[in-house]
Amino acid sequence: MYLTPEKKAEFFEKFGKDAKDTGSAEGQVALFSYRIAHLTEHLKVNKKDFGTQRALISLVGKRRRLLDYLKKKDIGRYREIVKQLGLRR
């Protein structure tokens, strides 16, 4: 499995306050970005996997909504997470 509980805890520890802070927007955005990258690589090999394609589109939308929320609430945190993850925009 590509996403173990230890890997999840690592994301939340690095981008959130601590490993148990799974509700932080920054940690969720980082986790979604990791999952998006994994699904993108999967779709490069399996072009006709439309279930995965739909899941990818859904994840991109979730990440976008979280980033919009973060931008509205605290522009500094938004800029920091975008810079750390290397996201455009």
C-alpha atoms as a PDB file:
ATOM      1  CA  MET A   1       0.000   0.000   0.000  1.00  0.00           C
ATOM      2  CA  TYR A   2       1.369   3.383  -0.925  1.00  0.00           C
ATOM      3  CA  LEU A   3      -0.105   5.326   2.011  1.00  0.00           C
ATOM      4  CA  THR A   4       0.658   3.776   5.381  1.00  0.00           C
ATOM      5  CA  PRO A   5      -0.461   5.225   8.723  1.00  0.00           C
ATOM      6  CA  GLU A   6       3.176   6.136   9.417  1.00  0.00           C
ATOM      7  CA  LYS A   7       3.362   8.098   6.159  1.00  0.00           C
ATOM      8  CA  LYS A   8       0.142   9.949   7.040  1.00  0.00           C
ATOM      9  CA  ALA A   9       1.477  10.792  10.501  1.00  0.00           C
ATOM     10  CA  GLU A  10       4.662  12.082   8.878  1.00  0.00           C
ATOM     11  CA  PHE A  11       2.675  14.483   6.661  1.00  0.00           C
ATOM     12  CA  PHE A  12       0.644  15.819   9.563  1.00  0.00           C
ATOM     13  CA  GLU A  13       3.736  16.150  11.734  1.00  0.00           C
ATOM     14  CA  LYS A  14       5.623  18.056   9.040  1.00  0.00           C
ATOM     15  CA  PHE A  15       2.812  20.325   7.858  1.00  0.00           C
ATOM     16  CA  GLY A  16       0.457  20.413  10.868  1.00  0.00           C
ATOM     17  CA  LYS A  17       1.112  21.139  14.512  1.00  0.00           C
ATOM     18  CA  ASP A  18       1.835  17.508  15.417  1.00  0.00           C
ATOM     19  CA  ALA A  19       1.203  13.971  14.136  1.00  0.00           C
ATOM     20  CA  LYS A  20      -2.244  13.812  15.767  1.00  0.00           C
ATOM     21  CA  ASP A  21      -3.436  17.120  14.271  1.00  0.00           C
ATOM     22  CA  THR A  22      -5.223  15.512  11.331  1.00  0.00           C
ATOM     23  CA  GLY A  23      -7.697  18.368  10.971  1.00  0.00           C
ATOM     24  CA  SER A  24      -5.238  21.068   9.985  1.00  0.00           C
ATOM     25  CA  ALA A  25      -5.812  22.437   6.506  1.00  0.00           C
ATOM     26  CA  GLU A  26      -2.089  22.414   5.729  1.00  0.00           C
ATOM     27  CA  GLY A  27      -1.727  18.725   6.601  1.00  0.00           C
ATOM     28  CA  GLN A  28      -4.762  17.793   4.547  1.00  0.00           C
ATOM     29  CA  VAL A  29      -3.524  19.783   1.539  1.00  0.00           C
ATOM     30  CA  ALA A  30      -0.146  18.046   1.772  1.00  0.00           C
ATOM     31  CA  LEU A  31      -1.788  14.629   1.998  1.00  0.00           C
ATOM     32  CA  PHE A  32      -4.064  15.383  -0.960  1.00  0.00           C
ATOM     33  CA  SER A  33      -1.062  16.558  -2.980  1.00  0.00           C
ATOM     34  CA  TYR A  34       0.754  13.288  -2.289  1.00  0.00           C
ATOM     35  CA  ARG A  35      -2.305  11.264  -3.291  1.00  0.00           C
ATOM     36  CA  ILE A  36      -2.804  13.378  -6.439  1.00  0.00           C
ATOM     37  CA  ALA A  37       0.799  12.753  -7.499  1.00  0.00           C
ATOM     38  CA  HIS A  38       0.375   9.000  -6.926  1.00  0.00           C
ATOM     39  CA  LEU A  39      -2.871   8.809  -8.914  1.00  0.00           C
ATOM     40  CA  THR A  40      -1.371  10.884 -11.733  1.00  0.00           C
ATOM     41  CA  GLU A  41       1.479   8.408 -12.090  1.00  0.00           C
ATOM     42  CA  HIS A  42      -1.015   5.518 -12.052  1.00  0.00           C
ATOM     43  CA  LEU A  43      -3.060   7.126 -14.819  1.00  0.00           C
ATOM     44  CA  LYS A  44       0.007   7.605 -17.016  1.00  0.00           C
ATOM     45  CA  VAL A  45       0.300   3.814 -17.172  1.00  0.00           C
ATOM     46  CA  ASN A  46      -3.416   2.912 -17.017  1.00  0.00           C
ATOM     47  CA  LYS A  47      -5.049   5.392 -19.353  1.00  0.00           C
ATOM     48  CA  LYS A  48      -8.491   3.720 -19.357  1.00  0.00           C
ATOM     49  CA  ASP A  49      -8.923   3.547 -15.575  1.00  0.00           C
ATOM     50  CA  PHE A  50     -11.865   5.916 -15.380  1.00  0.00           C
ATOM     51  CA  GLY A  51     -12.651   5.210 -11.736  1.00  0.00           C
ATOM     52  CA  THR A  52      -9.223   6.437 -10.738  1.00  0.00           C
ATOM     53  CA  GLN A  53      -9.607   9.399 -13.068  1.00  0.00           C
ATOM     54  CA  ARG A  54     -12.819  10.389 -11.318  1.00  0.00           C
ATOM     55  CA  ALA A  55     -11.170  10.012  -7.896  1.00  0.00           C
ATOM     56  CA  LEU A  56      -8.289  12.215  -9.067  1.00  0.00           C
ATOM     57  CA  ILE A  57     -10.647  14.960 -10.212  1.00  0.00           C
ATOM     58  CA  SER A  58     -12.462  14.768  -6.881  1.00  0.00           C
ATOM     59  CA  LEU A  59      -9.186  15.078  -4.933  1.00  0.00           C
ATOM     60  CA  VAL A  60      -8.079  18.061  -6.979  1.00  0.00           C
ATOM     61  CA  GLY A  61     -11.393  19.758  -6.183  1.00  0.00           C
ATOM     62  CA  LYS A  62     -11.057  19.020  -2.469  1.00  0.00           C
ATOM     63  CA  ARG A  63      -7.531  20.427  -2.411  1.00  0.00           C
ATOM     64  CA  ARG A  64      -8.664  23.525  -4.301  1.00  0.00           C
ATOM     65  CA  ARG A  65     -11.509  24.150  -1.836  1.00  0.00           C
ATOM     66  CA  LEU A  66      -9.187  23.746   1.144  1.00  0.00           C
ATOM     67  CA  LEU A  67      -6.676  26.140  -0.399  1.00  0.00           C
ATOM     68  CA  ASP A  68      -9.434  28.675  -1.089  1.00  0.00           C
ATOM     69  CA  TYR A  69     -10.566  28.387   2.533  1.00  0.00           C
ATOM     70  CA  LEU A  70      -7.019  28.853   3.787  1.00  0.00           C
ATOM     71  CA  LYS A  71      -6.520  31.848   1.505  1.00  0.00           C
ATOM     72  CA  LYS A  72      -9.678  33.466   2.848  1.00  0.00           C
ATOM     73  CA  LYS A  73      -8.881  32.771   6.520  1.00  0.00           C
ATOM     74  CA  ASP A  74      -5.118  33.381   6.710  1.00  0.00           C
ATOM     75  CA  ILE A  75      -3.169  34.481   3.635  1.00  0.00           C
ATOM     76  CA  GLY A  76       0.184  33.892   5.368  1.00  0.00           C
ATOM     77  CA  ARG A  77      -0.523  30.208   6.036  1.00  0.00           C
ATOM     78  CA  TYR A  78      -1.788  29.862   2.455  1.00  0.00           C
ATOM     79  CA  ARG A  79       1.379  31.330   0.972  1.00  0.00           C
ATOM     80  CA  GLU A  80       3.566  29.176   3.197  1.00  0.00           C
ATOM     81  CA  ILE A  81       1.885  25.883   2.230  1.00  0.00           C
ATOM     82  CA  VAL A  82       1.886  26.756  -1.471  1.00  0.00           C
ATOM     83  CA  LYS A  83       5.584  27.575  -1.244  1.00  0.00           C
ATOM     84  CA  GLN A  84       6.436  24.407   0.696  1.00  0.00           C
ATOM     85  CA  LEU A  85       4.551  22.106  -1.666  1.00  0.00           C
ATOM     86  CA  GLY A  86       5.624  23.905  -4.821  1.00  0.00           C
ATOM     87  CA  LEU A  87       2.069  24.416  -6.040  1.00  0.00           C
ATOM     88  CA  ARG A  88       1.441  26.964  -8.707  1.00  0.00           C
ATOM     89  CA  ARG A  89      -0.896  29.838  -7.868  1.00  0.00           C
END
